[in-house]
Structures are given as structure tokens and as C-alpha cells.
Amino acid sequence: MLKKGEKILLFATIAVGITDLCLANGVYLKKKGVVLRDMILSGIDKKTYRPLDEEAEEKTIPID
């Protein structure tokens, strides 16, 4: 049988482990969300500010 002090320490250890797991999961999800947001924004930027392709350059009028 476990003594009273050992039971308290075991419970405290389990509680700290569960708390650590919850905090780590929250940080992981937050970082994953930031990465997804950055990927989406960079995709929108590439579509919005894409460089001119070769056909568009041929249609421009050169200024001398």
C-alpha cells in the first residue's frame, strides 16, 4: 500500500503531466494555425502580385 505522502506526490505528478500535455497541445495547435495562415496569405499574395509573364511584356509599348 502507498502511504499518504506517496499518494499525494503521485497525484501531483500526474496533475503536472496532464497540465504540461494540455499546454504543449495548445502551443502546437497555435503554431500550426500560424503556419496555415502564413501559407494562405502567401498564396493570395502570389496570385495578386504575380510578375508579368512573357506575353504581357510583348504587349507593352516601349518608351524611348
Protein backbone atom coordinates (compact mmCIF):
# COMPACT_ATOMS: atom_id res chain seq x y z
CA MET A 1 0.00 0.00 0.00
CA LEU A 2 1.10 3.53 -0.69
CA LYS A 3 1.49 5.90 2.18
CA LYS A 4 -0.46 9.13 2.28
CA GLY A 5 2.54 11.23 1.26
CA GLU A 6 3.31 8.95 -1.68
CA LYS A 7 -0.29 9.18 -2.89
CA ILE A 8 -0.15 12.98 -2.77
CA LEU A 9 3.14 13.04 -4.71
CA LEU A 10 1.79 10.59 -7.28
CA PHE A 11 -1.36 12.68 -7.77
CA ALA A 12 0.71 15.88 -8.05
CA THR A 13 3.00 14.25 -10.64
CA ILE A 14 0.05 13.07 -12.72
CA ALA A 15 -1.62 16.50 -12.49
CA VAL A 16 1.56 18.29 -13.62
CA GLY A 17 1.96 15.83 -16.51
CA ILE A 18 -1.62 16.38 -17.70
CA THR A 19 -1.23 20.16 -17.41
CA ASP A 20 2.02 20.03 -19.37
CA LEU A 21 0.36 17.92 -22.08
CA CYS A 22 -2.55 20.36 -22.39
CA LEU A 23 -0.23 23.38 -22.64
CA ALA A 24 2.01 21.67 -25.19
CA ASN A 25 -1.02 20.72 -27.30
CA GLY A 26 -2.27 24.32 -27.20
CA VAL A 27 1.10 25.66 -28.32
CA TYR A 28 1.28 23.07 -31.11
CA LEU A 29 -2.18 23.99 -32.40
CA LYS A 30 -1.37 27.70 -32.23
CA LYS A 31 1.85 27.25 -34.23
CA LYS A 32 0.04 25.04 -36.74
CA GLY A 33 -2.58 27.76 -37.17
CA VAL A 34 0.09 30.41 -37.73
CA VAL A 35 1.79 28.25 -40.36
CA LEU A 36 -1.52 27.66 -42.16
CA ARG A 37 -2.34 31.37 -42.03
CA ASP A 38 1.06 32.27 -43.50
CA MET A 39 0.65 29.69 -46.27
CA ILE A 40 -2.77 31.05 -47.19
CA LEU A 41 -1.60 34.68 -47.15
CA SER A 42 1.48 33.90 -49.24
CA GLY A 43 -0.72 32.09 -51.75
CA ILE A 44 -3.00 35.11 -52.01
CA ASP A 45 -0.01 37.43 -52.40
CA LYS A 46 1.42 35.30 -55.21
CA LYS A 47 -1.89 35.40 -57.07
CA THR A 48 -2.38 39.12 -56.51
CA TYR A 49 1.15 40.37 -57.16
CA ARG A 50 2.40 37.78 -59.65
CA PRO A 51 5.07 39.01 -62.03
CA LEU A 52 4.12 39.73 -65.61
CA ASP A 53 4.51 36.78 -67.91
CA GLU A 54 6.29 36.91 -71.28
CA GLU A 55 3.12 37.53 -73.28
CA ALA A 56 2.23 40.59 -71.24
CA GLU A 57 5.70 42.07 -71.77
CA GLU A 58 5.34 41.73 -75.54
CA LYS A 59 2.10 43.70 -75.48
CA THR A 60 3.65 46.70 -73.70
CA ILE A 61 4.73 49.70 -75.74
CA PRO A 62 8.39 50.59 -75.24
CA ILE A 63 9.09 54.24 -74.40
CA ASP A 64 12.29 55.68 -75.92
